[in-house]
């Protein structure tokens, strides 16, 4: 019933949305490939989503954004989730090529920044279940502020 309450432009749980200088690319990592939930074959589902992503990354909505933030529950990092390597192989090369500024994930429930490197050309911020992210963006720069629930600033990440 998720899409009944939170409809998307694609009719799927993955979509893009642009707010000013920021384009959010919302991805659905699904669950472990061995599981089938409500009849969903998540291996096929993620491959279908990858085909959609290849087209979406070519849209003006994405290409014209100064900042591109990908959101996905499970981080595409081998060892971080049961299918981290699969998510990496399927999505990261396309996201790298598109010039993603930042990916935000939540699966590990702890706050940490994984810096960009050889295997992934963009940083991945894993957010804690006890923190809130505030994104402030202009046409020139973007700050991602990590706060606790009381509003105390814990970290700020800046992008130009």
N, C-alpha and C. Protein backbone atom coordinates (compact mmCIF):
# COMPACT_ATOMS: atom_id res chain seq x y z
N UNK A 1 0.80 -1.21 0.00
CA UNK A 1 0.00 0.00 0.00
C UNK A 1 0.84 1.27 0.00
N UNK A 2 2.14 1.14 0.06
CA UNK A 2 3.05 2.30 0.14
C UNK A 2 2.73 3.35 -0.92
N UNK A 3 2.60 2.92 -2.16
CA UNK A 3 2.39 3.87 -3.26
C UNK A 3 1.01 4.54 -3.22
N UNK A 4 0.07 3.95 -2.49
CA UNK A 4 -1.23 4.58 -2.30
C UNK A 4 -1.07 5.85 -1.46
N UNK A 5 -0.20 5.77 -0.45
CA UNK A 5 0.01 6.91 0.44
C UNK A 5 1.10 7.85 -0.04
N UNK A 6 2.06 7.32 -0.78
CA UNK A 6 3.19 8.12 -1.27
C UNK A 6 3.37 7.88 -2.77
N UNK A 7 2.46 8.42 -3.58
CA UNK A 7 2.56 8.19 -5.03
C UNK A 7 3.83 8.83 -5.60
N UNK A 8 4.36 8.25 -6.65
CA UNK A 8 5.56 8.75 -7.30
C UNK A 8 5.28 9.01 -8.77
N UNK A 9 6.19 9.69 -9.41
CA UNK A 9 6.05 9.98 -10.83
C UNK A 9 6.22 8.74 -11.70
N UNK A 10 6.85 7.71 -11.16
CA UNK A 10 7.07 6.48 -11.93
C UNK A 10 6.04 5.40 -11.63
N UNK A 11 5.29 5.58 -10.55
CA UNK A 11 4.39 4.52 -10.11
C UNK A 11 5.14 3.39 -9.41
N UNK A 12 6.42 3.59 -9.15
CA UNK A 12 7.29 2.62 -8.48
C UNK A 12 7.92 3.30 -7.26
N UNK A 13 8.54 2.54 -6.37
CA UNK A 13 9.21 3.16 -5.21
C UNK A 13 10.54 3.84 -5.58
N UNK A 14 10.92 3.80 -6.83
CA UNK A 14 12.12 4.51 -7.27
C UNK A 14 11.70 5.61 -8.24
N UNK A 15 12.34 6.79 -8.09
CA UNK A 15 11.93 7.95 -8.87
C UNK A 15 12.96 9.06 -8.69
N UNK A 16 12.81 10.14 -9.42
CA UNK A 16 13.63 11.32 -9.23
C UNK A 16 12.72 12.49 -8.90
N UNK A 17 13.27 13.45 -8.16
CA UNK A 17 12.55 14.68 -7.86
C UNK A 17 13.58 15.79 -7.72
N UNK A 18 13.25 16.93 -8.28
CA UNK A 18 14.19 18.06 -8.28
C UNK A 18 13.63 19.18 -7.41
N UNK A 19 14.48 19.69 -6.52
CA UNK A 19 14.17 20.86 -5.70
C UNK A 19 15.29 21.86 -5.91
N UNK A 20 15.03 22.90 -6.69
CA UNK A 20 16.05 23.92 -6.95
C UNK A 20 17.29 23.32 -7.58
N UNK A 21 18.42 23.49 -6.94
CA UNK A 21 19.69 23.02 -7.49
C UNK A 21 20.00 21.56 -7.17
N UNK A 22 19.08 20.89 -6.46
CA UNK A 22 19.33 19.51 -6.02
C UNK A 22 18.33 18.56 -6.69
N UNK A 23 18.87 17.50 -7.28
CA UNK A 23 18.03 16.42 -7.80
C UNK A 23 18.25 15.20 -6.92
N UNK A 24 17.17 14.66 -6.40
CA UNK A 24 17.23 13.45 -5.58
C UNK A 24 16.88 12.26 -6.47
N UNK A 25 17.73 11.26 -6.43
CA UNK A 25 17.50 10.02 -7.17
C UNK A 25 17.21 8.96 -6.12
N UNK A 26 15.95 8.59 -5.99
CA UNK A 26 15.52 7.68 -4.94
C UNK A 26 15.52 6.27 -5.52
N UNK A 27 16.32 5.39 -4.91
CA UNK A 27 16.45 4.01 -5.37
C UNK A 27 15.92 3.06 -4.31
N UNK A 28 15.46 1.91 -4.75
CA UNK A 28 14.92 0.89 -3.85
C UNK A 28 15.85 -0.32 -3.88
N UNK A 29 16.59 -0.53 -2.80
CA UNK A 29 17.53 -1.66 -2.76
C UNK A 29 16.82 -3.00 -2.63
N UNK A 30 15.56 -2.98 -2.22
CA UNK A 30 14.84 -4.25 -2.06
C UNK A 30 15.40 -5.02 -0.88
N UNK A 31 15.21 -6.33 -0.91
CA UNK A 31 15.71 -7.20 0.15
C UNK A 31 16.65 -8.23 -0.46
N UNK A 32 17.23 -9.05 0.38
CA UNK A 32 18.18 -10.06 -0.06
C UNK A 32 17.62 -10.85 -1.25
N UNK A 33 18.46 -11.09 -2.24
CA UNK A 33 18.05 -11.73 -3.49
C UNK A 33 17.37 -13.08 -3.28
N UNK A 34 17.68 -13.75 -2.19
CA UNK A 34 17.09 -15.07 -1.95
C UNK A 34 15.64 -14.97 -1.47
N UNK A 35 15.29 -13.81 -0.93
CA UNK A 35 13.95 -13.63 -0.39
C UNK A 35 12.97 -13.21 -1.49
N UNK A 36 11.76 -13.64 -1.34
CA UNK A 36 10.68 -13.17 -2.21
C UNK A 36 9.58 -12.67 -1.29
N UNK A 37 9.33 -11.38 -1.35
CA UNK A 37 8.32 -10.76 -0.51
C UNK A 37 7.13 -10.42 -1.39
N UNK A 38 5.97 -10.86 -0.99
CA UNK A 38 4.73 -10.60 -1.74
C UNK A 38 4.90 -10.94 -3.21
N UNK A 39 5.61 -12.02 -3.49
CA UNK A 39 5.78 -12.48 -4.86
C UNK A 39 6.79 -11.70 -5.67
N UNK A 40 7.58 -10.83 -5.06
CA UNK A 40 8.55 -10.02 -5.79
C UNK A 40 9.89 -10.75 -5.91
N UNK A 41 10.37 -10.89 -7.12
CA UNK A 41 11.70 -11.42 -7.39
C UNK A 41 12.63 -10.21 -7.43
N UNK A 42 13.36 -9.97 -6.33
CA UNK A 42 14.13 -8.74 -6.21
C UNK A 42 15.33 -8.68 -7.15
N UNK A 43 15.86 -9.82 -7.58
CA UNK A 43 16.94 -9.78 -8.58
C UNK A 43 16.43 -9.13 -9.86
N UNK A 44 15.29 -9.60 -10.35
CA UNK A 44 14.69 -9.04 -11.58
C UNK A 44 14.24 -7.60 -11.35
N UNK A 45 13.70 -7.34 -10.18
CA UNK A 45 13.23 -6.00 -9.84
C UNK A 45 14.38 -4.99 -9.90
N UNK A 46 15.53 -5.34 -9.32
CA UNK A 46 16.67 -4.42 -9.33
C UNK A 46 17.22 -4.23 -10.74
N UNK A 47 17.19 -5.27 -11.56
CA UNK A 47 17.65 -5.14 -12.95
C UNK A 47 16.71 -4.22 -13.74
N UNK A 48 15.41 -4.35 -13.51
CA UNK A 48 14.43 -3.45 -14.14
C UNK A 48 14.69 -2.01 -13.69
N UNK A 49 14.97 -1.84 -12.41
CA UNK A 49 15.24 -0.52 -11.86
C UNK A 49 16.52 0.07 -12.47
N UNK A 50 17.53 -0.76 -12.69
CA UNK A 50 18.78 -0.30 -13.31
C UNK A 50 18.53 0.21 -14.73
N UNK A 51 17.64 -0.44 -15.46
CA UNK A 51 17.29 0.03 -16.81
C UNK A 51 16.60 1.39 -16.73
N UNK A 52 15.71 1.54 -15.76
CA UNK A 52 15.06 2.83 -15.56
C UNK A 52 16.10 3.89 -15.19
N UNK A 53 17.04 3.54 -14.30
CA UNK A 53 18.05 4.48 -13.83
C UNK A 53 18.90 5.00 -14.98
N UNK A 54 19.29 4.12 -15.88
CA UNK A 54 20.11 4.53 -17.03
C UNK A 54 19.41 5.64 -17.82
N UNK A 55 18.11 5.51 -18.00
CA UNK A 55 17.35 6.53 -18.73
C UNK A 55 17.15 7.78 -17.88
N UNK A 56 16.83 7.60 -16.61
CA UNK A 56 16.58 8.74 -15.72
C UNK A 56 17.80 9.63 -15.58
N UNK A 57 18.99 9.04 -15.55
CA UNK A 57 20.22 9.82 -15.41
C UNK A 57 20.51 10.68 -16.63
N UNK A 58 19.86 10.38 -17.75
CA UNK A 58 20.03 11.18 -18.97
C UNK A 58 19.00 12.31 -19.07
N UNK A 59 18.07 12.37 -18.14
CA UNK A 59 17.02 13.40 -18.20
C UNK A 59 17.60 14.76 -17.83
N UNK A 60 16.94 15.81 -18.32
CA UNK A 60 17.36 17.18 -17.98
C UNK A 60 17.19 17.44 -16.49
N UNK A 61 16.17 16.82 -15.88
CA UNK A 61 15.94 16.97 -14.44
C UNK A 61 17.19 16.60 -13.66
N UNK A 62 17.85 15.53 -14.05
CA UNK A 62 19.07 15.07 -13.37
C UNK A 62 20.29 15.82 -13.90
N UNK A 63 20.47 15.80 -15.20
CA UNK A 63 21.68 16.39 -15.79
C UNK A 63 21.81 17.88 -15.50
N UNK A 64 20.69 18.58 -15.40
CA UNK A 64 20.73 20.01 -15.18
C UNK A 64 20.91 20.44 -13.73
N UNK A 65 20.91 19.48 -12.82
CA UNK A 65 21.04 19.81 -11.39
C UNK A 65 22.50 20.03 -11.02
N UNK A 66 22.77 21.04 -10.25
CA UNK A 66 24.12 21.29 -9.74
C UNK A 66 24.54 20.17 -8.79
N UNK A 67 23.61 19.72 -7.95
CA UNK A 67 23.90 18.67 -6.97
C UNK A 67 22.96 17.49 -7.21
N UNK A 68 23.52 16.31 -7.13
CA UNK A 68 22.76 15.08 -7.35
C UNK A 68 22.95 14.20 -6.12
N UNK A 69 21.84 13.90 -5.44
CA UNK A 69 21.89 13.07 -4.24
C UNK A 69 21.12 11.79 -4.51
N UNK A 70 21.80 10.66 -4.40
CA UNK A 70 21.14 9.36 -4.53
C UNK A 70 20.77 8.89 -3.13
N UNK A 71 19.59 8.32 -3.00
CA UNK A 71 19.10 7.78 -1.73
C UNK A 71 18.81 6.30 -1.92
N UNK A 72 19.32 5.49 -1.01
CA UNK A 72 19.04 4.05 -1.07
C UNK A 72 19.22 3.50 0.34
N UNK A 73 18.33 2.63 0.78
CA UNK A 73 18.39 2.13 2.15
C UNK A 73 19.71 1.40 2.42
N UNK A 74 20.03 0.43 1.61
CA UNK A 74 21.24 -0.35 1.84
C UNK A 74 22.41 0.24 1.06
N UNK A 75 23.54 0.45 1.71
CA UNK A 75 24.69 1.03 0.99
C UNK A 75 25.27 0.04 -0.02
N UNK A 76 25.66 0.53 -1.18
CA UNK A 76 26.23 -0.35 -2.21
C UNK A 76 27.72 -0.61 -1.96
N UNK A 77 28.00 -1.18 -0.79
CA UNK A 77 29.37 -1.46 -0.37
C UNK A 77 29.44 -2.92 0.05
N UNK A 78 30.34 -3.68 -0.54
CA UNK A 78 30.50 -5.10 -0.18
C UNK A 78 30.74 -5.20 1.33
N UNK A 79 30.01 -6.10 1.97
CA UNK A 79 30.18 -6.35 3.38
C UNK A 79 29.28 -5.50 4.28
N UNK A 80 28.66 -4.46 3.75
CA UNK A 80 27.78 -3.61 4.55
C UNK A 80 26.37 -4.18 4.63
N UNK A 81 25.99 -4.94 3.62
CA UNK A 81 24.67 -5.56 3.60
C UNK A 81 24.81 -6.89 2.86
N UNK A 82 23.82 -7.76 2.96
CA UNK A 82 23.93 -9.05 2.28
C UNK A 82 24.15 -8.92 0.77
N UNK A 83 23.72 -7.83 0.21
CA UNK A 83 23.86 -7.69 -1.24
C UNK A 83 24.60 -6.41 -1.64
N UNK A 84 25.45 -5.90 -0.76
CA UNK A 84 26.19 -4.68 -1.03
C UNK A 84 26.97 -4.71 -2.33
N UNK A 85 27.64 -5.81 -2.61
CA UNK A 85 28.42 -5.92 -3.85
C UNK A 85 27.50 -5.91 -5.07
N UNK A 86 26.38 -6.62 -4.98
CA UNK A 86 25.42 -6.64 -6.10
C UNK A 86 24.89 -5.23 -6.37
N UNK A 87 24.52 -4.50 -5.31
CA UNK A 87 24.04 -3.13 -5.47
C UNK A 87 25.13 -2.25 -6.08
N UNK A 88 26.36 -2.45 -5.62
CA UNK A 88 27.48 -1.69 -6.16
C UNK A 88 27.62 -1.94 -7.66
N UNK A 89 27.69 -3.20 -8.04
CA UNK A 89 27.92 -3.55 -9.44
C UNK A 89 26.78 -3.07 -10.35
N UNK A 90 25.58 -3.06 -9.83
CA UNK A 90 24.42 -2.70 -10.63
C UNK A 90 24.24 -1.18 -10.77
N UNK A 91 24.47 -0.44 -9.70
CA UNK A 91 24.14 0.99 -9.70
C UNK A 91 25.33 1.94 -9.71
N UNK A 92 26.41 1.61 -9.02
CA UNK A 92 27.50 2.58 -8.83
C UNK A 92 28.15 3.03 -10.13
N UNK A 93 28.45 2.17 -11.10
CA UNK A 93 29.07 2.68 -12.33
C UNK A 93 28.23 3.75 -13.02
N UNK A 94 26.92 3.56 -13.07
CA UNK A 94 26.04 4.55 -13.70
C UNK A 94 26.01 5.85 -12.89
N UNK A 95 25.94 5.71 -11.57
CA UNK A 95 25.89 6.88 -10.70
C UNK A 95 27.20 7.65 -10.76
N UNK A 96 28.32 6.93 -10.81
CA UNK A 96 29.63 7.57 -10.96
C UNK A 96 29.68 8.39 -12.24
N UNK A 97 29.26 7.78 -13.32
CA UNK A 97 29.29 8.45 -14.63
C UNK A 97 28.40 9.70 -14.64
N UNK A 98 27.31 9.66 -13.88
CA UNK A 98 26.38 10.79 -13.83
C UNK A 98 26.88 11.92 -12.93
N UNK A 99 27.96 11.68 -12.21
CA UNK A 99 28.51 12.73 -11.34
C UNK A 99 27.73 12.95 -10.06
N UNK A 100 27.33 11.86 -9.43
CA UNK A 100 26.59 11.96 -8.18
C UNK A 100 27.44 12.71 -7.14
N UNK A 101 26.82 13.63 -6.45
CA UNK A 101 27.50 14.42 -5.42
C UNK A 101 27.62 13.63 -4.13
N UNK A 102 26.55 12.92 -3.76
CA UNK A 102 26.48 12.23 -2.48
C UNK A 102 25.42 11.14 -2.56
N UNK A 103 25.65 10.03 -1.84
CA UNK A 103 24.61 9.03 -1.63
C UNK A 103 24.32 8.99 -0.14
N UNK A 104 23.04 8.89 0.20
CA UNK A 104 22.63 8.78 1.59
C UNK A 104 21.96 7.42 1.78
N UNK A 105 22.42 6.68 2.79
CA UNK A 105 21.87 5.35 3.10
C UNK A 105 21.55 5.28 4.59
N UNK A 106 20.85 4.24 5.00
CA UNK A 106 20.48 4.13 6.41
C UNK A 106 20.57 2.75 7.00
N UNK A 107 20.87 1.77 6.23
CA UNK A 107 20.79 0.36 6.62
C UNK A 107 21.56 0.02 7.89
N UNK A 108 22.75 0.58 8.07
CA UNK A 108 23.59 0.19 9.21
C UNK A 108 23.18 0.86 10.51
N UNK A 109 22.35 1.88 10.45
CA UNK A 109 21.84 2.60 11.62
C UNK A 109 22.93 3.24 12.46
N UNK A 110 24.06 3.54 11.84
CA UNK A 110 25.08 4.34 12.52
C UNK A 110 25.55 5.42 11.58
N UNK A 111 25.98 6.52 12.15
CA UNK A 111 26.37 7.66 11.35
C UNK A 111 27.84 7.56 10.98
N UNK A 112 28.10 7.52 9.68
CA UNK A 112 29.49 7.54 9.22
C UNK A 112 29.53 7.95 7.76
N UNK A 113 30.63 8.61 7.40
CA UNK A 113 30.84 9.04 6.03
C UNK A 113 31.87 8.12 5.40
N UNK A 114 31.52 7.53 4.28
CA UNK A 114 32.45 6.72 3.49
C UNK A 114 32.91 7.63 2.36
N UNK A 115 34.17 8.01 2.40
CA UNK A 115 34.70 8.95 1.40
C UNK A 115 34.73 8.31 0.01
N UNK A 116 34.70 9.15 -1.00
CA UNK A 116 34.84 8.69 -2.38
C UNK A 116 36.20 8.01 -2.54
N UNK A 117 36.26 7.03 -3.43
CA UNK A 117 37.51 6.32 -3.66
C UNK A 117 37.51 5.67 -5.03
N UNK A 118 38.39 4.69 -5.20
CA UNK A 118 38.51 4.01 -6.49
C UNK A 118 37.26 3.21 -6.85
N UNK A 119 36.68 2.54 -5.85
CA UNK A 119 35.53 1.68 -6.13
C UNK A 119 34.22 2.45 -6.24
N UNK A 120 34.20 3.66 -5.70
CA UNK A 120 32.98 4.48 -5.73
C UNK A 120 33.43 5.93 -5.76
N UNK A 121 33.10 6.64 -6.81
CA UNK A 121 33.58 7.99 -7.02
C UNK A 121 32.83 9.07 -6.26
N UNK A 122 31.89 8.70 -5.41
CA UNK A 122 31.14 9.68 -4.63
C UNK A 122 31.09 9.21 -3.18
N UNK A 123 30.98 10.15 -2.23
CA UNK A 123 30.89 9.75 -0.83
C UNK A 123 29.52 9.14 -0.52
N UNK A 124 29.50 8.25 0.47
CA UNK A 124 28.25 7.63 0.93
C UNK A 124 28.10 7.95 2.41
N UNK A 125 27.06 8.69 2.73
CA UNK A 125 26.76 9.02 4.12
C UNK A 125 25.74 8.02 4.64
N UNK A 126 26.16 7.26 5.64
CA UNK A 126 25.23 6.34 6.31
C UNK A 126 24.69 7.09 7.52
N UNK A 127 23.38 7.24 7.57
CA UNK A 127 22.78 8.02 8.64
C UNK A 127 22.25 7.12 9.74
N UNK A 128 22.43 7.56 10.96
CA UNK A 128 21.95 6.83 12.13
C UNK A 128 20.44 6.96 12.25
N UNK A 129 19.84 5.99 12.89
CA UNK A 129 18.40 6.08 13.15
C UNK A 129 18.10 7.09 14.26
N UNK A 130 19.15 7.65 14.87
CA UNK A 130 18.97 8.65 15.93
C UNK A 130 19.35 10.06 15.45
N UNK A 131 19.55 10.23 14.15
CA UNK A 131 19.95 11.52 13.61
C UNK A 131 19.00 11.99 12.52
N UNK A 132 19.04 13.28 12.27
CA UNK A 132 18.26 13.92 11.22
C UNK A 132 19.24 14.60 10.28
N UNK A 133 18.98 14.55 8.98
CA UNK A 133 19.81 15.27 8.01
C UNK A 133 19.04 16.50 7.53
N UNK A 134 19.72 17.62 7.52
CA UNK A 134 19.16 18.86 6.98
C UNK A 134 20.02 19.26 5.79
N UNK A 135 19.40 19.46 4.66
CA UNK A 135 20.14 19.82 3.45
C UNK A 135 19.81 21.26 3.11
N UNK A 136 20.85 22.06 3.00
CA UNK A 136 20.70 23.47 2.63
C UNK A 136 21.50 23.68 1.36
N UNK A 137 20.83 24.10 0.30
CA UNK A 137 21.52 24.24 -0.99
C UNK A 137 21.17 25.55 -1.66
N UNK A 138 22.17 26.13 -2.31
CA UNK A 138 21.99 27.27 -3.18
C UNK A 138 22.47 26.82 -4.56
N UNK A 139 22.55 27.74 -5.50
CA UNK A 139 23.10 27.40 -6.82
C UNK A 139 24.60 27.17 -6.75
N UNK A 140 25.26 27.64 -5.70
CA UNK A 140 26.72 27.53 -5.60
C UNK A 140 27.21 26.42 -4.69
N UNK A 141 26.51 26.19 -3.56
CA UNK A 141 27.02 25.19 -2.61
C UNK A 141 25.87 24.49 -1.90
N UNK A 142 26.24 23.40 -1.25
CA UNK A 142 25.27 22.60 -0.51
C UNK A 142 25.91 22.12 0.77
N UNK A 143 25.18 22.26 1.88
CA UNK A 143 25.61 21.72 3.17
C UNK A 143 24.63 20.64 3.59
N UNK A 144 25.17 19.54 4.07
CA UNK A 144 24.36 18.48 4.67
C UNK A 144 24.73 18.48 6.15
N UNK A 145 23.76 18.84 6.98
CA UNK A 145 23.99 18.96 8.41
C UNK A 145 23.36 17.76 9.11
N UNK A 146 24.16 17.09 9.93
CA UNK A 146 23.68 15.95 10.73
C UNK A 146 23.38 16.48 12.12
N UNK A 147 22.13 16.29 12.56
CA UNK A 147 21.71 16.74 13.89
C UNK A 147 21.12 15.58 14.67
N UNK A 148 21.22 15.66 16.00
CA UNK A 148 20.50 14.69 16.81
C UNK A 148 19.05 15.16 16.93
N UNK A 149 18.21 14.39 17.59
CA UNK A 149 16.79 14.73 17.65
C UNK A 149 16.51 16.00 18.46
N UNK A 150 17.46 16.40 19.28
CA UNK A 150 17.31 17.63 20.06
C UNK A 150 17.72 18.86 19.23
N UNK A 151 18.24 18.64 18.01
CA UNK A 151 18.65 19.74 17.16
C UNK A 151 20.11 20.13 17.30
N UNK A 152 20.86 19.35 18.08
CA UNK A 152 22.30 19.64 18.25
C UNK A 152 23.04 19.19 16.99
N UNK A 153 23.82 20.12 16.42
CA UNK A 153 24.59 19.81 15.21
C UNK A 153 25.76 18.88 15.55
N UNK A 154 25.84 17.76 14.83
CA UNK A 154 26.89 16.77 15.07
C UNK A 154 27.99 16.83 14.00
N UNK A 155 27.60 17.11 12.77
CA UNK A 155 28.54 17.17 11.65
C UNK A 155 27.94 18.01 10.54
N UNK A 156 28.79 18.60 9.75
CA UNK A 156 28.37 19.29 8.53
C UNK A 156 29.29 18.88 7.40
N UNK A 157 28.70 18.52 6.27
CA UNK A 157 29.45 18.15 5.07
C UNK A 157 29.10 19.18 4.00
N UNK A 158 30.12 19.79 3.42
CA UNK A 158 29.91 20.84 2.44
C UNK A 158 30.34 20.40 1.05
N UNK A 159 29.58 20.82 0.06
CA UNK A 159 29.84 20.47 -1.34
C UNK A 159 29.73 21.73 -2.19
N UNK A 160 30.62 21.86 -3.18
CA UNK A 160 30.57 23.00 -4.09
C UNK A 160 30.38 22.53 -5.51
